[in-house]
Amino acid sequence: QELLQEGLARSQGAPPATRGDKKC
């Protein structure tokens, strides 16, 4: 449970991990 809470806390502060294809 501690590890899950730590992971959730880190993921909420981090930018979304999406692979954005930049249009050009």
mmCIF file of all heavy atoms, coordinates in Angstrom:
data_MODEL
# 
_entry.id   MODEL 
# 
loop_
_atom_site.group_PDB 
_atom_site.id 
_atom_site.type_symbol 
_atom_site.label_atom_id 
_atom_site.label_alt_id 
_atom_site.label_comp_id 
_atom_site.label_asym_id 
_atom_site.label_entity_id 
_atom_site.label_seq_id 
_atom_site.pdbx_PDB_ins_code 
_atom_site.Cartn_x 
_atom_site.Cartn_y 
_atom_site.Cartn_z 
_atom_site.occupancy 
_atom_site.B_iso_or_equiv 
_atom_site.pdbx_formal_charge 
_atom_site.auth_seq_id 
_atom_site.auth_comp_id 
_atom_site.auth_asym_id 
_atom_site.auth_atom_id 
_atom_site.pdbx_PDB_model_num 
ATOM 1   N N   . GLN A 1 1  ? 0.824  -1.207 0.000   1.00 0.00 ? 1  GLN A N   1 
ATOM 2   C CA  . GLN A 1 1  ? 0.000  0.000  0.000   1.00 0.00 ? 1  GLN A CA  1 
ATOM 3   C C   . GLN A 1 1  ? 0.866  1.268  0.000   1.00 0.00 ? 1  GLN A C   1 
ATOM 4   O O   . GLN A 1 1  ? 0.554  2.241  -0.684  1.00 0.00 ? 1  GLN A O   1 
ATOM 5   C CB  . GLN A 1 1  ? -0.953 0.003  1.209   1.00 0.00 ? 1  GLN A CB  1 
ATOM 6   C CG  . GLN A 1 1  ? -2.093 -0.980 1.090   1.00 0.00 ? 1  GLN A CG  1 
ATOM 7   C CD  . GLN A 1 1  ? -2.948 -0.709 -0.148  1.00 0.00 ? 1  GLN A CD  1 
ATOM 8   O OE1 . GLN A 1 1  ? -3.194 0.426  -0.526  1.00 0.00 ? 1  GLN A OE1 1 
ATOM 9   N NE2 . GLN A 1 1  ? -3.367 -1.781 -0.787  1.00 0.00 ? 1  GLN A NE2 1 
ATOM 10  N N   . GLU A 1 2  ? 1.963  1.248  0.777   1.00 0.00 ? 2  GLU A N   1 
ATOM 11  C CA  . GLU A 1 2  ? 2.874  2.394  0.796   1.00 0.00 ? 2  GLU A CA  1 
ATOM 12  C C   . GLU A 1 2  ? 3.447  2.656  -0.593  1.00 0.00 ? 2  GLU A C   1 
ATOM 13  O O   . GLU A 1 2  ? 3.490  3.802  -1.061  1.00 0.00 ? 2  GLU A O   1 
ATOM 14  C CB  . GLU A 1 2  ? 4.038  2.143  1.766   1.00 0.00 ? 2  GLU A CB  1 
ATOM 15  C CG  . GLU A 1 2  ? 3.688  2.228  3.224   1.00 0.00 ? 2  GLU A CG  1 
ATOM 16  C CD  . GLU A 1 2  ? 4.893  1.852  4.096   1.00 0.00 ? 2  GLU A CD  1 
ATOM 17  O OE1 . GLU A 1 2  ? 6.046  2.053  3.649   1.00 0.00 ? 2  GLU A OE1 1 
ATOM 18  O OE2 . GLU A 1 2  ? 4.660  1.356  5.199   1.00 0.00 ? 2  GLU A OE2 1 
ATOM 19  N N   . LEU A 1 3  ? 3.897  1.599  -1.268  1.00 0.00 ? 3  LEU A N   1 
ATOM 20  C CA  . LEU A 1 3  ? 4.471  1.743  -2.609  1.00 0.00 ? 3  LEU A CA  1 
ATOM 21  C C   . LEU A 1 3  ? 3.432  2.258  -3.599  1.00 0.00 ? 3  LEU A C   1 
ATOM 22  O O   . LEU A 1 3  ? 3.739  3.102  -4.451  1.00 0.00 ? 3  LEU A O   1 
ATOM 23  C CB  . LEU A 1 3  ? 5.046  0.405  -3.093  1.00 0.00 ? 3  LEU A CB  1 
ATOM 24  C CG  . LEU A 1 3  ? 6.291  -0.086 -2.357  1.00 0.00 ? 3  LEU A CG  1 
ATOM 25  C CD1 . LEU A 1 3  ? 6.643  -1.505 -2.788  1.00 0.00 ? 3  LEU A CD1 1 
ATOM 26  C CD2 . LEU A 1 3  ? 7.456  0.847  -2.609  1.00 0.00 ? 3  LEU A CD2 1 
ATOM 27  N N   . LEU A 1 4  ? 2.204  1.787  -3.496  1.00 0.00 ? 4  LEU A N   1 
ATOM 28  C CA  . LEU A 1 4  ? 1.135  2.267  -4.381  1.00 0.00 ? 4  LEU A CA  1 
ATOM 29  C C   . LEU A 1 4  ? 0.866  3.748  -4.156  1.00 0.00 ? 4  LEU A C   1 
ATOM 30  O O   . LEU A 1 4  ? 0.693  4.516  -5.112  1.00 0.00 ? 4  LEU A O   1 
ATOM 31  C CB  . LEU A 1 4  ? -0.144 1.464  -4.159  1.00 0.00 ? 4  LEU A CB  1 
ATOM 32  C CG  . LEU A 1 4  ? -0.161 0.038  -4.712  1.00 0.00 ? 4  LEU A CG  1 
ATOM 33  C CD1 . LEU A 1 4  ? -1.423 -0.692 -4.280  1.00 0.00 ? 4  LEU A CD1 1 
ATOM 34  C CD2 . LEU A 1 4  ? -0.055 0.066  -6.221  1.00 0.00 ? 4  LEU A CD2 1 
ATOM 35  N N   . GLN A 1 5  ? 0.818  4.168  -2.893  1.00 0.00 ? 5  GLN A N   1 
ATOM 36  C CA  . GLN A 1 5  ? 0.574  5.577  -2.583  1.00 0.00 ? 5  GLN A CA  1 
ATOM 37  C C   . GLN A 1 5  ? 1.713  6.464  -3.089  1.00 0.00 ? 5  GLN A C   1 
ATOM 38  O O   . GLN A 1 5  ? 1.475  7.555  -3.612  1.00 0.00 ? 5  GLN A O   1 
ATOM 39  C CB  . GLN A 1 5  ? 0.372  5.768  -1.075  1.00 0.00 ? 5  GLN A CB  1 
ATOM 40  C CG  . GLN A 1 5  ? -0.875 5.101  -0.518  1.00 0.00 ? 5  GLN A CG  1 
ATOM 41  C CD  . GLN A 1 5  ? -2.141 5.575  -1.221  1.00 0.00 ? 5  GLN A CD  1 
ATOM 42  O OE1 . GLN A 1 5  ? -2.283 6.733  -1.580  1.00 0.00 ? 5  GLN A OE1 1 
ATOM 43  N NE2 . GLN A 1 5  ? -3.060 4.651  -1.444  1.00 0.00 ? 5  GLN A NE2 1 
ATOM 44  N N   . GLU A 1 6  ? 2.960  5.995  -2.951  1.00 0.00 ? 6  GLU A N   1 
ATOM 45  C CA  . GLU A 1 6  ? 4.106  6.760  -3.449  1.00 0.00 ? 6  GLU A CA  1 
ATOM 46  C C   . GLU A 1 6  ? 4.019  6.910  -4.971  1.00 0.00 ? 6  GLU A C   1 
ATOM 47  O O   . GLU A 1 6  ? 4.273  7.985  -5.516  1.00 0.00 ? 6  GLU A O   1 
ATOM 48  C CB  . GLU A 1 6  ? 5.416  6.063  -3.085  1.00 0.00 ? 6  GLU A CB  1 
ATOM 49  C CG  . GLU A 1 6  ? 5.800  6.179  -1.638  1.00 0.00 ? 6  GLU A CG  1 
ATOM 50  C CD  . GLU A 1 6  ? 7.046  5.362  -1.329  1.00 0.00 ? 6  GLU A CD  1 
ATOM 51  O OE1 . GLU A 1 6  ? 7.817  5.035  -2.263  1.00 0.00 ? 6  GLU A OE1 1 
ATOM 52  O OE2 . GLU A 1 6  ? 7.256  5.054  -0.148  1.00 0.00 ? 6  GLU A OE2 1 
ATOM 53  N N   . GLY A 1 7  ? 3.681  5.829  -5.654  1.00 0.00 ? 7  GLY A N   1 
ATOM 54  C CA  . GLY A 1 7  ? 3.562  5.872  -7.114  1.00 0.00 ? 7  GLY A CA  1 
ATOM 55  C C   . GLY A 1 7  ? 2.457  6.809  -7.570  1.00 0.00 ? 7  GLY A C   1 
ATOM 56  O O   . GLY A 1 7  ? 2.629  7.573  -8.525  1.00 0.00 ? 7  GLY A O   1 
ATOM 57  N N   . LEU A 1 8  ? 1.318  6.790  -6.875  1.00 0.00 ? 8  LEU A N   1 
ATOM 58  C CA  . LEU A 1 8  ? 0.213  7.699  -7.212  1.00 0.00 ? 8  LEU A CA  1 
ATOM 59  C C   . LEU A 1 8  ? 0.611  9.154  -6.991  1.00 0.00 ? 8  LEU A C   1 
ATOM 60  O O   . LEU A 1 8  ? 0.291  10.025 -7.803  1.00 0.00 ? 8  LEU A O   1 
ATOM 61  C CB  . LEU A 1 8  ? -1.019 7.366  -6.367  1.00 0.00 ? 8  LEU A CB  1 
ATOM 62  C CG  . LEU A 1 8  ? -1.828 6.140  -6.800  1.00 0.00 ? 8  LEU A CG  1 
ATOM 63  C CD1 . LEU A 1 8  ? -2.915 5.822  -5.781  1.00 0.00 ? 8  LEU A CD1 1 
ATOM 64  C CD2 . LEU A 1 8  ? -2.438 6.390  -8.164  1.00 0.00 ? 8  LEU A CD2 1 
ATOM 65  N N   . ALA A 1 9  ? 1.306  9.417  -5.905  1.00 0.00 ? 9  ALA A N   1 
ATOM 66  C CA  . ALA A 1 9  ? 1.729  10.784 -5.613  1.00 0.00 ? 9  ALA A CA  1 
ATOM 67  C C   . ALA A 1 9  ? 2.686  11.295 -6.693  1.00 0.00 ? 9  ALA A C   1 
ATOM 68  O O   . ALA A 1 9  ? 2.590  12.440 -7.135  1.00 0.00 ? 9  ALA A O   1 
ATOM 69  C CB  . ALA A 1 9  ? 2.394  10.854 -4.241  1.00 0.00 ? 9  ALA A CB  1 
ATOM 70  N N   . ARG A 1 10 ? 3.606  10.441 -7.153  1.00 0.00 ? 10 ARG A N   1 
ATOM 71  C CA  . ARG A 1 10 ? 4.546  10.838 -8.206  1.00 0.00 ? 10 ARG A CA  1 
ATOM 72  C C   . ARG A 1 10 ? 3.838  11.048 -9.539  1.00 0.00 ? 10 ARG A C   1 
ATOM 73  O O   . ARG A 1 10 ? 4.140  11.979 -10.272 1.00 0.00 ? 10 ARG A O   1 
ATOM 74  C CB  . ARG A 1 10 ? 5.639  9.784  -8.377  1.00 0.00 ? 10 ARG A CB  1 
ATOM 75  C CG  . ARG A 1 10 ? 6.836  10.062 -7.488  1.00 0.00 ? 10 ARG A CG  1 
ATOM 76  C CD  . ARG A 1 10 ? 7.960  9.116  -7.809  1.00 0.00 ? 10 ARG A CD  1 
ATOM 77  N NE  . ARG A 1 10 ? 7.748  7.933  -6.976  1.00 0.00 ? 10 ARG A NE  1 
ATOM 78  C CZ  . ARG A 1 10 ? 7.977  6.684  -7.331  1.00 0.00 ? 10 ARG A CZ  1 
ATOM 79  N NH1 . ARG A 1 10 ? 8.443  6.420  -8.510  1.00 0.00 ? 10 ARG A NH1 1 
ATOM 80  N NH2 . ARG A 1 10 ? 7.740  5.705  -6.515  1.00 0.00 ? 10 ARG A NH2 1 
ATOM 81  N N   . SER A 1 11 ? 2.889  10.174 -9.847  1.00 0.00 ? 11 SER A N   1 
ATOM 82  C CA  . SER A 1 11 ? 2.228  10.278 -11.156 1.00 0.00 ? 11 SER A CA  1 
ATOM 83  C C   . SER A 1 11 ? 1.289  11.486 -11.224 1.00 0.00 ? 11 SER A C   1 
ATOM 84  O O   . SER A 1 11 ? 1.060  12.031 -12.295 1.00 0.00 ? 11 SER A O   1 
ATOM 85  C CB  . SER A 1 11 ? 1.458  9.003  -11.482 1.00 0.00 ? 11 SER A CB  1 
ATOM 86  O OG  . SER A 1 11 ? 0.357  8.846  -10.604 1.00 0.00 ? 11 SER A OG  1 
ATOM 87  N N   . GLN A 1 12 ? 0.748  11.933 -10.104 1.00 0.00 ? 12 GLN A N   1 
ATOM 88  C CA  . GLN A 1 12 ? -0.140 13.102 -10.112 1.00 0.00 ? 12 GLN A CA  1 
ATOM 89  C C   . GLN A 1 12 ? 0.638  14.386 -10.354 1.00 0.00 ? 12 GLN A C   1 
ATOM 90  O O   . GLN A 1 12 ? 0.126  15.320 -10.948 1.00 0.00 ? 12 GLN A O   1 
ATOM 91  C CB  . GLN A 1 12 ? -0.914 13.191 -8.797  1.00 0.00 ? 12 GLN A CB  1 
ATOM 92  C CG  . GLN A 1 12 ? -1.968 12.114 -8.673  1.00 0.00 ? 12 GLN A CG  1 
ATOM 93  C CD  . GLN A 1 12 ? -2.625 12.077 -7.306  1.00 0.00 ? 12 GLN A CD  1 
ATOM 94  O OE1 . GLN A 1 12 ? -2.182 12.748 -6.389  1.00 0.00 ? 12 GLN A OE1 1 
ATOM 95  N NE2 . GLN A 1 12 ? -3.669 11.290 -7.183  1.00 0.00 ? 12 GLN A NE2 1 
ATOM 96  N N   . GLY A 1 13 ? 1.877  14.434 -9.933  1.00 0.00 ? 13 GLY A N   1 
ATOM 97  C CA  . GLY A 1 13 ? 2.698  15.632 -10.121 1.00 0.00 ? 13 GLY A CA  1 
ATOM 98  C C   . GLY A 1 13 ? 3.412  15.657 -11.458 1.00 0.00 ? 13 GLY A C   1 
ATOM 99  O O   . GLY A 1 13 ? 3.874  16.696 -11.905 1.00 0.00 ? 13 GLY A O   1 
ATOM 100 N N   . ALA A 1 14 ? 3.484  14.519 -12.126 1.00 0.00 ? 14 ALA A N   1 
ATOM 101 C CA  . ALA A 1 14 ? 4.220  14.433 -13.390 1.00 0.00 ? 14 ALA A CA  1 
ATOM 102 C C   . ALA A 1 14 ? 3.305  14.775 -14.563 1.00 0.00 ? 14 ALA A C   1 
ATOM 103 O O   . ALA A 1 14 ? 2.096  14.600 -14.488 1.00 0.00 ? 14 ALA A O   1 
ATOM 104 C CB  . ALA A 1 14 ? 4.775  13.021 -13.560 1.00 0.00 ? 14 ALA A CB  1 
ATOM 105 N N   . PRO A 1 15 ? 3.884  15.277 -15.651 1.00 0.00 ? 15 PRO A N   1 
ATOM 106 C CA  . PRO A 1 15 ? 3.063  15.538 -16.842 1.00 0.00 ? 15 PRO A CA  1 
ATOM 107 C C   . PRO A 1 15 ? 2.553  14.222 -17.415 1.00 0.00 ? 15 PRO A C   1 
ATOM 108 O O   . PRO A 1 15 ? 3.149  13.173 -17.203 1.00 0.00 ? 15 PRO A O   1 
ATOM 109 C CB  . PRO A 1 15 ? 4.035  16.218 -17.805 1.00 0.00 ? 15 PRO A CB  1 
ATOM 110 C CG  . PRO A 1 15 ? 5.388  15.824 -17.338 1.00 0.00 ? 15 PRO A CG  1 
ATOM 111 C CD  . PRO A 1 15 ? 5.276  15.593 -15.855 1.00 0.00 ? 15 PRO A CD  1 
ATOM 112 N N   . PRO A 1 16 ? 1.439  14.250 -18.140 1.00 0.00 ? 16 PRO A N   1 
ATOM 113 C CA  . PRO A 1 16 ? 0.896  13.011 -18.687 1.00 0.00 ? 16 PRO A CA  1 
ATOM 114 C C   . PRO A 1 16 ? 1.891  12.344 -19.629 1.00 0.00 ? 16 PRO A C   1 
ATOM 115 O O   . PRO A 1 16 ? 2.565  13.003 -20.411 1.00 0.00 ? 16 PRO A O   1 
ATOM 116 C CB  . PRO A 1 16 ? -0.365 13.457 -19.447 1.00 0.00 ? 16 PRO A CB  1 
ATOM 117 C CG  . PRO A 1 16 ? -0.266 14.931 -19.583 1.00 0.00 ? 16 PRO A CG  1 
ATOM 118 C CD  . PRO A 1 16 ? 0.666  15.410 -18.518 1.00 0.00 ? 16 PRO A CD  1 
ATOM 119 N N   . ALA A 1 17 ? 1.975  11.036 -19.535 1.00 0.00 ? 17 ALA A N   1 
ATOM 120 C CA  . ALA A 1 17 ? 2.935  10.268 -20.325 1.00 0.00 ? 17 ALA A CA  1 
ATOM 121 C C   . ALA A 1 17 ? 2.319  9.840  -21.654 1.00 0.00 ? 17 ALA A C   1 
ATOM 122 O O   . ALA A 1 17 ? 2.162  8.671  -21.938 1.00 0.00 ? 17 ALA A O   1 
ATOM 123 C CB  . ALA A 1 17 ? 3.399  9.047  -19.541 1.00 0.00 ? 17 ALA A CB  1 
ATOM 124 N N   . THR A 1 18 ? 1.943  10.800 -22.462 1.00 0.00 ? 18 THR A N   1 
ATOM 125 C CA  . THR A 1 18 ? 1.393  10.472 -23.777 1.00 0.00 ? 18 THR A CA  1 
ATOM 126 C C   . THR A 1 18 ? 2.439  10.755 -24.821 1.00 0.00 ? 18 THR A C   1 
ATOM 127 O O   . THR A 1 18 ? 3.226  11.697 -24.703 1.00 0.00 ? 18 THR A O   1 
ATOM 128 C CB  . THR A 1 18 ? 0.138  11.312 -24.082 1.00 0.00 ? 18 THR A CB  1 
ATOM 129 O OG1 . THR A 1 18 ? 0.495  12.692 -24.014 1.00 0.00 ? 18 THR A OG1 1 
ATOM 130 C CG2 . THR A 1 18 ? -0.983 10.997 -23.118 1.00 0.00 ? 18 THR A CG2 1 
ATOM 131 N N   . ARG A 1 19 ? 2.435  9.945  -25.828 1.00 0.00 ? 19 ARG A N   1 
ATOM 132 C CA  . ARG A 1 19 ? 3.377  10.114 -26.927 1.00 0.00 ? 19 ARG A CA  1 
ATOM 133 C C   . ARG A 1 19 ? 2.676  10.960 -27.976 1.00 0.00 ? 19 ARG A C   1 
ATOM 134 O O   . ARG A 1 19 ? 1.921  10.466 -28.794 1.00 0.00 ? 19 ARG A O   1 
ATOM 135 C CB  . ARG A 1 19 ? 3.766  8.749  -27.481 1.00 0.00 ? 19 ARG A CB  1 
ATOM 136 C CG  . ARG A 1 19 ? 4.846  8.825  -28.505 1.00 0.00 ? 19 ARG A CG  1 
ATOM 137 C CD  . ARG A 1 19 ? 5.206  7.447  -28.931 1.00 0.00 ? 19 ARG A CD  1 
ATOM 138 N NE  . ARG A 1 19 ? 6.108  7.541  -30.052 1.00 0.00 ? 19 ARG A NE  1 
ATOM 139 C CZ  . ARG A 1 19 ? 6.391  6.556  -30.840 1.00 0.00 ? 19 ARG A CZ  1 
ATOM 140 N NH1 . ARG A 1 19 ? 5.843  5.400  -30.640 1.00 0.00 ? 19 ARG A NH1 1 
ATOM 141 N NH2 . ARG A 1 19 ? 7.211  6.715  -31.836 1.00 0.00 ? 19 ARG A NH2 1 
ATOM 142 N N   . GLY A 1 20 ? 2.908  12.242 -27.936 1.00 0.00 ? 20 GLY A N   1 
ATOM 143 C CA  . GLY A 1 20 ? 2.219  13.154 -28.839 1.00 0.00 ? 20 GLY A CA  1 
ATOM 144 C C   . GLY A 1 20 ? 2.924  13.258 -30.176 1.00 0.00 ? 20 GLY A C   1 
ATOM 145 O O   . GLY A 1 20 ? 4.108  13.548 -30.235 1.00 0.00 ? 20 GLY A O   1 
ATOM 146 N N   . ASP A 1 21 ? 2.194  12.996 -31.233 1.00 0.00 ? 21 ASP A N   1 
ATOM 147 C CA  . ASP A 1 21 ? 2.733  13.200 -32.562 1.00 0.00 ? 21 ASP A CA  1 
ATOM 148 C C   . ASP A 1 21 ? 2.502  14.656 -32.911 1.00 0.00 ? 21 ASP A C   1 
ATOM 149 O O   . ASP A 1 21 ? 1.368  15.097 -33.034 1.00 0.00 ? 21 ASP A O   1 
ATOM 150 C CB  . ASP A 1 21 ? 2.030  12.294 -33.584 1.00 0.00 ? 21 ASP A CB  1 
ATOM 151 C CG  . ASP A 1 21 ? 2.383  10.831 -33.390 1.00 0.00 ? 21 ASP A CG  1 
ATOM 152 O OD1 . ASP A 1 21 ? 3.496  10.574 -32.914 1.00 0.00 ? 21 ASP A OD1 1 
ATOM 153 O OD2 . ASP A 1 21 ? 1.551  9.973  -33.730 1.00 0.00 ? 21 ASP A OD2 1 
ATOM 154 N N   . LYS A 1 22 ? 3.585  15.387 -33.047 1.00 0.00 ? 22 LYS A N   1 
ATOM 155 C CA  . LYS A 1 22 ? 3.468  16.796 -33.363 1.00 0.00 ? 22 LYS A CA  1 
ATOM 156 C C   . LYS A 1 22 ? 3.080  16.954 -34.815 1.00 0.00 ? 22 LYS A C   1 
ATOM 157 O O   . LYS A 1 22 ? 3.701  16.373 -35.702 1.00 0.00 ? 22 LYS A O   1 
ATOM 158 C CB  . LYS A 1 22 ? 4.784  17.508 -33.087 1.00 0.00 ? 22 LYS A CB  1 
ATOM 159 C CG  . LYS A 1 22 ? 5.135  17.550 -31.619 1.00 0.00 ? 22 LYS A CG  1 
ATOM 160 C CD  . LYS A 1 22 ? 6.416  18.311 -31.405 1.00 0.00 ? 22 LYS A CD  1 
ATOM 161 C CE  . LYS A 1 22 ? 6.752  18.335 -29.923 1.00 0.00 ? 22 LYS A CE  1 
ATOM 162 N NZ  . LYS A 1 22 ? 8.018  19.004 -29.665 1.00 0.00 ? 22 LYS A NZ  1 
ATOM 163 N N   . LYS A 1 23 ? 2.049  17.743 -35.050 1.00 0.00 ? 23 LYS A N   1 
ATOM 164 C CA  . LYS A 1 23 ? 1.628  17.993 -36.414 1.00 0.00 ? 23 LYS A CA  1 
ATOM 165 C C   . LYS A 1 23 ? 2.504  19.086 -37.001 1.00 0.00 ? 23 LYS A C   1 
ATOM 166 O O   . LYS A 1 23 ? 2.935  19.996 -36.308 1.00 0.00 ? 23 LYS A O   1 
ATOM 167 C CB  . LYS A 1 23 ? 0.160  18.398 -36.459 1.00 0.00 ? 23 LYS A CB  1 
ATOM 168 C CG  . LYS A 1 23 ? -0.769 17.260 -36.117 1.00 0.00 ? 23 LYS A CG  1 
ATOM 169 C CD  . LYS A 1 23 ? -2.196 17.646 -36.343 1.00 0.00 ? 23 LYS A CD  1 
ATOM 170 C CE  . LYS A 1 23 ? -3.090 16.443 -36.087 1.00 0.00 ? 23 LYS A CE  1 
ATOM 171 N NZ  . LYS A 1 23 ? -4.473 16.738 -36.408 1.00 0.00 ? 23 LYS A NZ  1 
ATOM 172 N N   . CYS A 1 24 ? 2.764  18.954 -38.288 1.00 0.00 ? 24 CYS A N   1 
ATOM 173 C CA  . CYS A 1 24 ? 3.562  19.942 -38.985 1.00 0.00 ? 24 CYS A CA  1 
ATOM 174 C C   . CYS A 1 24 ? 3.119  19.989 -40.440 1.00 0.00 ? 24 CYS A C   1 
ATOM 175 O O   . CYS A 1 24 ? 2.343  19.153 -40.883 1.00 0.00 ? 24 CYS A O   1 
ATOM 176 C CB  . CYS A 1 24 ? 5.042  19.611 -38.888 1.00 0.00 ? 24 CYS A CB  1 
ATOM 177 S SG  . CYS A 1 24 ? 5.460  18.034 -39.661 1.00 0.00 ? 24 CYS A SG  1 
# 
